[in-house]
Amino acid sequence: IEIEVGNPELDPYEAMNWDATLSYYLSSVGLVSAGVFYKDIDSFIYAQTNEVDGAKLTTWNNGESGNIYGVELAYQQKLSFLPGALNGCSVQGNLTFSDSEADVPATDEIAARTTELQGHSDLVASFALSYEKYDFFARLSGSYRSEYLDVLGAEDFEDEIIDEHFQLDLSTAYTIDDRYTVFA
């Protein structure tokens, strides 16, 4: 049996964010950027699961404090320098490296401890290759997210971790007579 119990006593998140980004715009319709960030978070909300009389009970509580810091890199460019029909190609990518820490207070069910923020992946990446010319469009994109803490257990070994995930998508479109477009 799984039971979820809400908590109307939760306080809202409070955060102080510091971000700095340096961007360079390419002459051939493109961008290269690098950024750093730091987020100081109070009253974050976390899900906690406990076994109660053979049932899995999940509820939400406020954490004390936490932080996230990292680096984000991005690149995008239309490849207009390619010859002929190939100059309809574009490429883009994004890569974020980060780390987090969260202080969880003691409750009746768990001891105080420091852990990662729930839902935070240390590595997130995406890329896309696209082509748009002659009323035709195609895009191949991929995204990756490393594992992350989903639900806090009463003990470290009872934490629920979501495994890393990679997704690949392909989409196409063709426009007919400027009035109709076929998608796949």
N, C-alpha and C. Protein backbone atom coordinates (compact mmCIF):
# COMPACT_ATOMS: atom_id res chain seq x y z
N ILE A 1 0.84 -1.17 0.00
CA ILE A 1 0.00 0.00 0.00
C ILE A 1 0.89 1.23 0.00
N GLU A 2 0.57 2.22 -0.84
CA GLU A 2 1.29 3.49 -0.88
C GLU A 2 0.33 4.61 -0.52
N ILE A 3 0.75 5.46 0.43
CA ILE A 3 -0.08 6.56 0.90
C ILE A 3 0.71 7.85 0.79
N GLU A 4 0.10 8.91 0.24
CA GLU A 4 0.72 10.23 0.18
C GLU A 4 -0.11 11.18 1.03
N VAL A 5 0.56 11.90 1.92
CA VAL A 5 -0.11 12.83 2.81
C VAL A 5 0.48 14.22 2.58
N GLY A 6 -0.37 15.20 2.26
CA GLY A 6 0.09 16.57 2.05
C GLY A 6 0.49 17.24 3.35
N ASN A 7 1.04 18.43 3.24
CA ASN A 7 1.47 19.17 4.42
C ASN A 7 1.14 20.65 4.22
N PRO A 8 0.00 21.12 4.76
CA PRO A 8 -0.38 22.53 4.58
C PRO A 8 0.49 23.50 5.39
N GLU A 9 1.37 22.98 6.24
CA GLU A 9 2.24 23.82 7.06
C GLU A 9 3.56 24.18 6.37
N LEU A 10 3.72 23.79 5.11
CA LEU A 10 4.98 24.05 4.41
C LEU A 10 5.21 25.54 4.19
N ASP A 11 6.45 25.96 4.35
CA ASP A 11 6.86 27.32 4.01
C ASP A 11 7.31 27.33 2.55
N PRO A 12 7.19 28.47 1.85
CA PRO A 12 7.65 28.53 0.46
C PRO A 12 9.17 28.57 0.38
N TYR A 13 9.69 28.16 -0.79
CA TYR A 13 11.12 28.29 -1.06
C TYR A 13 11.52 29.75 -0.93
N GLU A 14 12.73 29.98 -0.47
CA GLU A 14 13.35 31.30 -0.51
C GLU A 14 14.74 31.10 -1.07
N ALA A 15 15.13 31.91 -2.05
CA ALA A 15 16.44 31.72 -2.68
C ALA A 15 17.09 33.05 -3.03
N MET A 16 18.40 33.08 -2.91
CA MET A 16 19.22 34.19 -3.38
C MET A 16 20.07 33.61 -4.50
N ASN A 17 19.94 34.15 -5.71
CA ASN A 17 20.63 33.63 -6.88
C ASN A 17 21.69 34.59 -7.36
N TRP A 18 22.86 34.06 -7.69
CA TRP A 18 23.94 34.83 -8.28
C TRP A 18 24.33 34.15 -9.58
N ASP A 19 24.27 34.89 -10.67
CA ASP A 19 24.59 34.35 -11.99
C ASP A 19 25.48 35.34 -12.73
N ALA A 20 26.44 34.82 -13.48
CA ALA A 20 27.26 35.64 -14.37
C ALA A 20 27.47 34.86 -15.66
N THR A 21 27.20 35.51 -16.79
CA THR A 21 27.33 34.85 -18.08
C THR A 21 28.11 35.73 -19.03
N LEU A 22 29.00 35.12 -19.79
CA LEU A 22 29.76 35.80 -20.83
C LEU A 22 29.34 35.18 -22.15
N SER A 23 28.85 36.02 -23.07
CA SER A 23 28.37 35.54 -24.36
C SER A 23 29.11 36.22 -25.50
N TYR A 24 29.36 35.46 -26.55
CA TYR A 24 29.97 36.00 -27.76
C TYR A 24 29.07 35.62 -28.93
N TYR A 25 28.60 36.63 -29.65
CA TYR A 25 27.73 36.39 -30.80
C TYR A 25 28.57 36.25 -32.05
N LEU A 26 28.41 35.13 -32.74
CA LEU A 26 29.17 34.84 -33.94
C LEU A 26 28.57 35.59 -35.14
N SER A 27 29.43 35.99 -36.07
CA SER A 27 28.94 36.74 -37.24
C SER A 27 28.06 35.89 -38.14
N SER A 28 28.18 34.58 -38.06
CA SER A 28 27.40 33.70 -38.93
C SER A 28 26.18 33.13 -38.20
N VAL A 29 25.44 33.98 -37.53
CA VAL A 29 24.23 33.62 -36.78
C VAL A 29 24.54 32.48 -35.80
N GLY A 30 25.18 32.85 -34.71
CA GLY A 30 25.52 31.86 -33.70
C GLY A 30 25.88 32.51 -32.38
N LEU A 31 26.14 31.66 -31.39
CA LEU A 31 26.41 32.13 -30.04
C LEU A 31 27.28 31.12 -29.32
N VAL A 32 28.25 31.62 -28.56
CA VAL A 32 29.04 30.82 -27.63
C VAL A 32 28.91 31.51 -26.28
N SER A 33 28.57 30.75 -25.23
CA SER A 33 28.45 31.39 -23.92
C SER A 33 28.93 30.45 -22.82
N ALA A 34 29.36 31.07 -21.73
CA ALA A 34 29.78 30.35 -20.54
C ALA A 34 29.25 31.12 -19.34
N GLY A 35 28.72 30.40 -18.39
CA GLY A 35 28.18 31.06 -17.21
C GLY A 35 28.48 30.28 -15.95
N VAL A 36 28.48 30.98 -14.84
CA VAL A 36 28.61 30.36 -13.53
C VAL A 36 27.41 30.80 -12.69
N PHE A 37 27.02 29.97 -11.74
CA PHE A 37 25.87 30.32 -10.91
C PHE A 37 26.02 29.75 -9.51
N TYR A 38 25.36 30.41 -8.57
CA TYR A 38 25.29 29.96 -7.19
C TYR A 38 23.91 30.31 -6.67
N LYS A 39 23.23 29.37 -6.05
CA LYS A 39 21.90 29.59 -5.51
C LYS A 39 21.89 29.14 -4.05
N ASP A 40 21.56 30.06 -3.16
CA ASP A 40 21.46 29.78 -1.74
C ASP A 40 19.97 29.66 -1.42
N ILE A 41 19.55 28.49 -0.93
CA ILE A 41 18.12 28.19 -0.80
C ILE A 41 17.77 27.91 0.66
N ASP A 42 16.70 28.53 1.13
CA ASP A 42 16.14 28.26 2.46
C ASP A 42 14.74 27.69 2.30
N SER A 43 14.33 26.90 3.26
CA SER A 43 12.97 26.33 3.30
C SER A 43 12.64 25.50 2.06
N PHE A 44 13.63 24.83 1.48
CA PHE A 44 13.32 23.97 0.34
C PHE A 44 12.38 22.86 0.79
N ILE A 45 11.64 22.31 -0.15
CA ILE A 45 10.66 21.27 0.15
C ILE A 45 11.21 19.93 -0.32
N TYR A 46 11.11 18.92 0.52
CA TYR A 46 11.57 17.59 0.13
C TYR A 46 10.51 16.54 0.47
N ALA A 47 10.48 15.50 -0.35
CA ALA A 47 9.58 14.37 -0.11
C ALA A 47 10.29 13.37 0.78
N GLN A 48 9.57 12.81 1.73
CA GLN A 48 10.14 11.83 2.65
C GLN A 48 9.23 10.61 2.71
N THR A 49 9.83 9.43 2.64
CA THR A 49 9.08 8.18 2.68
C THR A 49 9.47 7.36 3.89
N ASN A 50 8.48 6.77 4.55
CA ASN A 50 8.70 5.89 5.69
C ASN A 50 7.77 4.69 5.58
N GLU A 51 8.17 3.59 6.19
CA GLU A 51 7.31 2.42 6.29
C GLU A 51 6.50 2.54 7.58
N VAL A 52 5.19 2.51 7.47
CA VAL A 52 4.31 2.60 8.63
C VAL A 52 3.28 1.47 8.54
N ASP A 53 3.34 0.55 9.47
CA ASP A 53 2.42 -0.59 9.50
C ASP A 53 2.31 -1.29 8.14
N GLY A 54 3.46 -1.51 7.49
CA GLY A 54 3.50 -2.22 6.22
C GLY A 54 3.13 -1.37 5.02
N ALA A 55 2.82 -0.11 5.22
CA ALA A 55 2.47 0.78 4.12
C ALA A 55 3.63 1.75 3.87
N LYS A 56 3.75 2.18 2.62
CA LYS A 56 4.75 3.18 2.25
C LYS A 56 4.07 4.55 2.35
N LEU A 57 4.51 5.36 3.33
CA LEU A 57 3.91 6.66 3.59
C LEU A 57 4.86 7.76 3.10
N THR A 58 4.38 8.62 2.18
CA THR A 58 5.17 9.73 1.66
C THR A 58 4.52 11.04 2.08
N THR A 59 5.34 11.95 2.61
CA THR A 59 4.87 13.28 2.98
C THR A 59 5.95 14.28 2.61
N TRP A 60 5.64 15.57 2.72
CA TRP A 60 6.57 16.63 2.35
C TRP A 60 6.89 17.49 3.57
N ASN A 61 8.15 17.91 3.66
CA ASN A 61 8.62 18.74 4.77
C ASN A 61 9.51 19.84 4.22
N ASN A 62 9.81 20.83 5.06
CA ASN A 62 10.78 21.87 4.71
C ASN A 62 12.16 21.48 5.20
N GLY A 63 13.14 21.69 4.34
CA GLY A 63 14.53 21.56 4.75
C GLY A 63 15.00 22.88 5.33
N GLU A 64 16.18 22.86 5.93
CA GLU A 64 16.71 24.08 6.53
C GLU A 64 17.35 24.99 5.48
N SER A 65 18.44 24.53 4.90
CA SER A 65 19.13 25.34 3.90
C SER A 65 19.80 24.42 2.89
N GLY A 66 20.08 24.99 1.75
CA GLY A 66 20.75 24.24 0.70
C GLY A 66 21.39 25.19 -0.29
N ASN A 67 22.19 24.62 -1.20
CA ASN A 67 22.78 25.45 -2.24
C ASN A 67 23.06 24.62 -3.48
N ILE A 68 23.12 25.32 -4.59
CA ILE A 68 23.48 24.72 -5.88
C ILE A 68 24.49 25.67 -6.51
N TYR A 69 25.56 25.11 -7.06
CA TYR A 69 26.51 25.94 -7.78
C TYR A 69 27.02 25.16 -8.99
N GLY A 70 27.41 25.89 -10.03
CA GLY A 70 27.88 25.19 -11.21
C GLY A 70 28.28 26.10 -12.35
N VAL A 71 28.52 25.44 -13.49
CA VAL A 71 28.96 26.08 -14.72
C VAL A 71 28.07 25.60 -15.85
N GLU A 72 27.70 26.55 -16.73
CA GLU A 72 26.89 26.19 -17.90
C GLU A 72 27.60 26.67 -19.15
N LEU A 73 27.72 25.80 -20.15
CA LEU A 73 28.35 26.11 -21.42
C LEU A 73 27.33 25.91 -22.54
N ALA A 74 27.31 26.82 -23.52
CA ALA A 74 26.35 26.70 -24.61
C ALA A 74 27.00 27.10 -25.93
N TYR A 75 26.53 26.47 -27.01
CA TYR A 75 27.01 26.79 -28.35
C TYR A 75 25.86 26.57 -29.32
N GLN A 76 25.67 27.52 -30.23
CA GLN A 76 24.70 27.33 -31.31
C GLN A 76 25.16 28.10 -32.52
N GLN A 77 24.94 27.50 -33.69
CA GLN A 77 25.38 28.16 -34.91
C GLN A 77 24.65 27.60 -36.12
N LYS A 78 24.27 28.51 -37.00
CA LYS A 78 23.76 28.13 -38.31
C LYS A 78 24.98 27.92 -39.19
N LEU A 79 25.06 26.77 -39.85
CA LEU A 79 26.24 26.41 -40.63
C LEU A 79 26.12 26.93 -42.06
N SER A 80 25.94 28.23 -42.20
CA SER A 80 25.70 28.86 -43.50
C SER A 80 26.94 28.84 -44.39
N PHE A 81 28.10 28.50 -43.85
CA PHE A 81 29.33 28.43 -44.64
C PHE A 81 29.40 27.15 -45.47
N LEU A 82 28.51 26.18 -45.19
CA LEU A 82 28.52 24.93 -45.95
C LEU A 82 28.01 25.19 -47.37
N PRO A 83 28.45 24.41 -48.35
CA PRO A 83 28.07 24.65 -49.74
C PRO A 83 26.64 24.17 -50.06
N GLY A 84 26.01 24.84 -51.00
CA GLY A 84 24.74 24.43 -51.59
C GLY A 84 23.64 24.14 -50.59
N ALA A 85 23.00 22.99 -50.79
CA ALA A 85 21.85 22.60 -49.97
C ALA A 85 22.23 22.37 -48.52
N LEU A 86 23.50 22.11 -48.23
CA LEU A 86 23.92 21.84 -46.85
C LEU A 86 23.91 23.07 -45.96
N ASN A 87 23.85 24.28 -46.55
CA ASN A 87 23.90 25.48 -45.71
C ASN A 87 22.59 25.74 -44.97
N GLY A 88 21.68 24.81 -44.98
CA GLY A 88 20.47 24.89 -44.16
C GLY A 88 20.65 24.18 -42.81
N CYS A 89 21.87 23.72 -42.55
CA CYS A 89 22.14 22.98 -41.30
C CYS A 89 22.45 23.92 -40.15
N SER A 90 22.06 23.50 -38.95
CA SER A 90 22.37 24.22 -37.71
C SER A 90 22.75 23.21 -36.64
N VAL A 91 23.53 23.67 -35.67
CA VAL A 91 23.93 22.82 -34.56
C VAL A 91 23.82 23.62 -33.27
N GLN A 92 23.46 22.96 -32.19
CA GLN A 92 23.44 23.62 -30.89
C GLN A 92 23.67 22.60 -29.80
N GLY A 93 24.24 23.07 -28.68
CA GLY A 93 24.50 22.19 -27.55
C GLY A 93 24.55 22.98 -26.26
N ASN A 94 24.29 22.31 -25.17
CA ASN A 94 24.29 22.93 -23.85
C ASN A 94 24.80 21.89 -22.86
N LEU A 95 25.65 22.32 -21.94
CA LEU A 95 26.23 21.41 -20.95
C LEU A 95 26.29 22.13 -19.61
N THR A 96 25.73 21.51 -18.57
CA THR A 96 25.73 22.10 -17.23
C THR A 96 26.33 21.11 -16.24
N PHE A 97 27.38 21.56 -15.56
CA PHE A 97 28.00 20.82 -14.47
C PHE A 97 27.63 21.54 -13.18
N SER A 98 27.10 20.82 -12.20
CA SER A 98 26.73 21.49 -10.95
C SER A 98 26.79 20.52 -9.78
N ASP A 99 26.69 21.08 -8.59
CA ASP A 99 26.68 20.29 -7.37
C ASP A 99 25.70 20.95 -6.42
N SER A 100 25.15 20.17 -5.51
CA SER A 100 24.21 20.73 -4.54
C SER A 100 24.43 20.10 -3.18
N GLU A 101 23.94 20.79 -2.16
CA GLU A 101 24.01 20.30 -0.79
C GLU A 101 22.78 20.81 -0.07
N ALA A 102 22.18 19.95 0.75
CA ALA A 102 20.97 20.32 1.48
C ALA A 102 21.04 19.81 2.90
N ASP A 103 20.69 20.68 3.85
CA ASP A 103 20.64 20.30 5.26
C ASP A 103 19.19 19.97 5.61
N VAL A 104 18.97 18.71 5.99
CA VAL A 104 17.63 18.24 6.34
C VAL A 104 17.56 18.12 7.86
N PRO A 105 16.59 18.78 8.48
CA PRO A 105 16.50 18.73 9.94
C PRO A 105 15.97 17.37 10.43
N ALA A 106 16.22 17.06 11.68
CA ALA A 106 15.70 15.83 12.27
C ALA A 106 14.18 15.92 12.40
N THR A 107 13.53 14.79 12.18
CA THR A 107 12.09 14.67 12.42
C THR A 107 11.90 13.44 13.30
N ASP A 108 10.67 13.09 13.59
CA ASP A 108 10.41 11.89 14.37
C ASP A 108 10.90 10.63 13.64
N GLU A 109 10.95 10.70 12.30
CA GLU A 109 11.29 9.53 11.50
C GLU A 109 12.75 9.47 11.05
N ILE A 110 13.43 10.63 10.93
CA ILE A 110 14.81 10.63 10.42
C ILE A 110 15.71 11.50 11.28
N ALA A 111 17.00 11.17 11.24
CA ALA A 111 18.02 11.99 11.92
C ALA A 111 18.42 13.13 10.98
N ALA A 112 18.89 14.22 11.54
CA ALA A 112 19.37 15.33 10.72
C ALA A 112 20.53 14.83 9.86
N ARG A 113 20.59 15.31 8.61
CA ARG A 113 21.70 14.93 7.74
C ARG A 113 21.85 15.91 6.60
N THR A 114 22.99 15.82 5.95
CA THR A 114 23.26 16.63 4.77
C THR A 114 23.23 15.70 3.57
N THR A 115 22.54 16.13 2.52
CA THR A 115 22.38 15.31 1.32
C THR A 115 22.34 16.23 0.11
N GLU A 116 22.10 15.68 -1.08
CA GLU A 116 21.90 16.51 -2.27
C GLU A 116 20.46 17.01 -2.28
N LEU A 117 20.23 18.12 -2.97
CA LEU A 117 18.85 18.60 -3.14
C LEU A 117 18.09 17.61 -4.00
N GLN A 118 16.85 17.37 -3.65
CA GLN A 118 16.03 16.45 -4.44
C GLN A 118 15.80 17.02 -5.83
N GLY A 119 15.83 16.13 -6.82
CA GLY A 119 15.59 16.52 -8.20
C GLY A 119 16.78 17.15 -8.89
N HIS A 120 17.93 17.23 -8.21
CA HIS A 120 19.11 17.87 -8.80
C HIS A 120 20.04 16.83 -9.41
N SER A 121 20.35 17.01 -10.69
CA SER A 121 21.34 16.18 -11.39
C SER A 121 22.64 16.95 -11.48
N ASP A 122 23.77 16.26 -11.28
CA ASP A 122 25.08 16.91 -11.37
C ASP A 122 25.46 17.25 -12.80
N LEU A 123 24.91 16.53 -13.77
CA LEU A 123 25.24 16.76 -15.18
C LEU A 123 23.96 16.76 -16.01
N VAL A 124 23.77 17.82 -16.77
CA VAL A 124 22.64 17.93 -17.70
C VAL A 124 23.22 18.39 -19.03
N ALA A 125 22.86 17.71 -20.12
CA ALA A 125 23.40 18.06 -21.43
C ALA A 125 22.32 17.92 -22.49
N SER A 126 22.41 18.74 -23.52
CA SER A 126 21.50 18.60 -24.66
C SER A 126 22.25 18.99 -25.93
N PHE A 127 21.80 18.45 -27.05
CA PHE A 127 22.37 18.80 -28.34
C PHE A 127 21.27 18.69 -29.38
N ALA A 128 21.46 19.38 -30.49
CA ALA A 128 20.50 19.28 -31.59
C ALA A 128 21.21 19.57 -32.90
N LEU A 129 20.86 18.81 -33.90
CA LEU A 129 21.26 19.04 -35.28
C LEU A 129 19.98 19.28 -36.06
N SER A 130 19.94 20.34 -36.85
CA SER A 130 18.72 20.60 -37.60
C SER A 130 19.05 21.02 -39.03
N TYR A 131 18.04 20.88 -39.87
CA TYR A 131 18.15 21.27 -41.27
C TYR A 131 16.85 21.93 -41.67
N GLU A 132 16.95 23.12 -42.31
CA GLU A 132 15.74 23.82 -42.76
C GLU A 132 16.03 24.50 -44.09
N LYS A 133 15.39 23.99 -45.14
CA LYS A 133 15.57 24.55 -46.47
C LYS A 133 14.55 23.91 -47.41
N TYR A 134 14.16 24.65 -48.44
CA TYR A 134 13.26 24.13 -49.48
C TYR A 134 11.96 23.58 -48.87
N ASP A 135 11.36 24.28 -47.95
CA ASP A 135 10.09 23.90 -47.30
C ASP A 135 10.20 22.63 -46.47
N PHE A 136 11.39 22.17 -46.20
CA PHE A 136 11.60 20.95 -45.40
C PHE A 136 12.34 21.31 -44.12
N PHE A 137 11.96 20.67 -43.03
CA PHE A 137 12.61 20.87 -41.74
C PHE A 137 12.82 19.51 -41.08
N ALA A 138 13.99 19.28 -40.52
CA ALA A 138 14.27 18.07 -39.74
C ALA A 138 15.14 18.45 -38.56
N ARG A 139 14.89 17.79 -37.43
CA ARG A 139 15.67 18.08 -36.22
C ARG A 139 15.89 16.78 -35.45
N LEU A 140 17.17 16.51 -35.15
CA LEU A 140 17.56 15.39 -34.30
C LEU A 140 18.10 16.00 -33.02
N SER A 141 17.49 15.68 -31.89
CA SER A 141 17.93 16.26 -30.63
C SER A 141 18.07 15.18 -29.57
N GLY A 142 18.96 15.42 -28.66
CA GLY A 142 19.17 14.49 -27.56
C GLY A 142 19.34 15.24 -26.26
N SER A 143 18.94 14.61 -25.17
CA SER A 143 19.14 15.22 -23.86
C SER A 143 19.54 14.14 -22.86
N TYR A 144 20.38 14.54 -21.92
CA TYR A 144 20.90 13.62 -20.92
C TYR A 144 20.77 14.28 -19.55
N ARG A 145 20.43 13.47 -18.56
CA ARG A 145 20.36 13.94 -17.18
C ARG A 145 20.94 12.83 -16.30
N SER A 146 21.92 13.16 -15.46
CA SER A 146 22.50 12.15 -14.57
C SER A 146 21.51 11.81 -13.45
N GLU A 147 21.81 10.78 -12.69
CA GLU A 147 20.90 10.33 -11.63
C GLU A 147 20.65 11.44 -10.61
N TYR A 148 19.53 11.32 -9.89
CA TYR A 148 19.22 12.31 -8.86
C TYR A 148 18.38 11.71 -7.75
N LEU A 149 18.43 12.35 -6.58
CA LEU A 149 17.66 11.95 -5.42
C LEU A 149 16.21 12.34 -5.64
N ASP A 150 15.30 11.37 -5.50
CA ASP A 150 13.88 11.65 -5.71
C ASP A 150 13.12 11.75 -4.39
N VAL A 151 13.32 10.78 -3.50
CA VAL A 151 12.61 10.76 -2.23
C VAL A 151 13.60 10.38 -1.13
N LEU A 152 13.54 11.12 -0.03
CA LEU A 152 14.41 10.86 1.11
C LEU A 152 13.82 9.76 1.97
N GLY A 153 14.62 8.74 2.28
CA GLY A 153 14.18 7.66 3.16
C GLY A 153 14.56 7.96 4.60
N ALA A 154 14.12 7.12 5.51
CA ALA A 154 14.47 7.30 6.92
C ALA A 154 15.97 7.13 7.13
N GLU A 155 16.62 6.30 6.32
CA GLU A 155 18.07 6.09 6.36
C GLU A 155 18.62 6.33 4.95
N ASP A 156 19.92 6.61 4.85
CA ASP A 156 20.54 6.84 3.53
C ASP A 156 20.22 5.72 2.55
N PHE A 157 20.34 4.49 2.98
CA PHE A 157 20.14 3.36 2.08
C PHE A 157 18.69 3.20 1.63
N GLU A 158 17.75 3.93 2.25
CA GLU A 158 16.35 3.88 1.85
C GLU A 158 15.96 5.01 0.89
N ASP A 159 16.91 5.90 0.57
CA ASP A 159 16.64 6.97 -0.38
C ASP A 159 16.24 6.38 -1.73
N GLU A 160 15.33 7.06 -2.42
CA GLU A 160 14.93 6.64 -3.76
C GLU A 160 15.68 7.50 -4.77
N ILE A 161 16.45 6.85 -5.62
CA ILE A 161 17.29 7.52 -6.61
C ILE A 161 16.72 7.22 -8.00
N ILE A 162 16.56 8.26 -8.81
CA ILE A 162 16.13 8.08 -10.20
C ILE A 162 17.40 7.95 -11.03
N ASP A 163 17.45 6.91 -11.85
CA ASP A 163 18.64 6.61 -12.65
C ASP A 163 18.85 7.66 -13.74
N GLU A 164 20.06 7.71 -14.28
CA GLU A 164 20.35 8.62 -15.37
C GLU A 164 19.41 8.35 -16.54
N HIS A 165 19.24 9.36 -17.39
CA HIS A 165 18.28 9.24 -18.49
C HIS A 165 18.83 9.93 -19.73
N PHE A 166 18.73 9.26 -20.87
CA PHE A 166 19.07 9.84 -22.17
C PHE A 166 17.87 9.69 -23.08
N GLN A 167 17.55 10.75 -23.80
CA GLN A 167 16.40 10.70 -24.72
C GLN A 167 16.83 11.27 -26.06
N LEU A 168 16.43 10.61 -27.12
CA LEU A 168 16.74 11.03 -28.48
C LEU A 168 15.42 11.26 -29.21
N ASP A 169 15.28 12.41 -29.87
CA ASP A 169 14.04 12.74 -30.58
C ASP A 169 14.36 13.14 -32.01
N LEU A 170 13.48 12.77 -32.93
CA LEU A 170 13.59 13.16 -34.32
C LEU A 170 12.24 13.74 -34.74
N SER A 171 12.26 14.92 -35.32
CA SER A 171 11.02 15.51 -35.82
C SER A 171 11.29 16.07 -37.22
N THR A 172 10.26 15.99 -38.06
CA THR A 172 10.37 16.51 -39.42
C THR A 172 9.08 17.24 -39.78
N ALA A 173 9.17 18.12 -40.76
CA ALA A 173 8.00 18.83 -41.27
C ALA A 173 8.25 19.20 -42.72
N TYR A 174 7.17 19.21 -43.49
CA TYR A 174 7.25 19.64 -44.88
C TYR A 174 6.05 20.53 -45.16
N THR A 175 6.31 21.72 -45.72
CA THR A 175 5.25 22.68 -46.00
C THR A 175 4.84 22.55 -47.46
N ILE A 176 3.52 22.44 -47.69
CA ILE A 176 2.95 22.29 -49.03
C ILE A 176 2.14 23.55 -49.34
N ASP A 177 2.46 24.25 -50.41
CA ASP A 177 1.69 25.43 -50.86
C ASP A 177 1.51 26.50 -49.80
N ASP A 178 2.41 26.65 -48.85
CA ASP A 178 2.34 27.66 -47.78
C ASP A 178 1.07 27.61 -46.97
N ARG A 179 0.23 26.59 -47.18
CA ARG A 179 -1.03 26.49 -46.43
C ARG A 179 -1.08 25.21 -45.58
N TYR A 180 -0.37 24.20 -45.99
CA TYR A 180 -0.44 22.92 -45.31
C TYR A 180 0.97 22.49 -44.91
N THR A 181 1.08 21.95 -43.73
CA THR A 181 2.34 21.40 -43.28
C THR A 181 2.10 19.99 -42.73
N VAL A 182 2.94 19.08 -43.15
CA VAL A 182 2.86 17.69 -42.71
C VAL A 182 4.00 17.48 -41.70
N PHE A 183 3.66 16.97 -40.52
CA PHE A 183 4.63 16.74 -39.45
C PHE A 183 4.81 15.25 -39.20
N ALA A 184 6.01 14.87 -38.81
CA ALA A 184 6.25 13.48 -38.38
C ALA A 184 7.26 13.51 -37.26
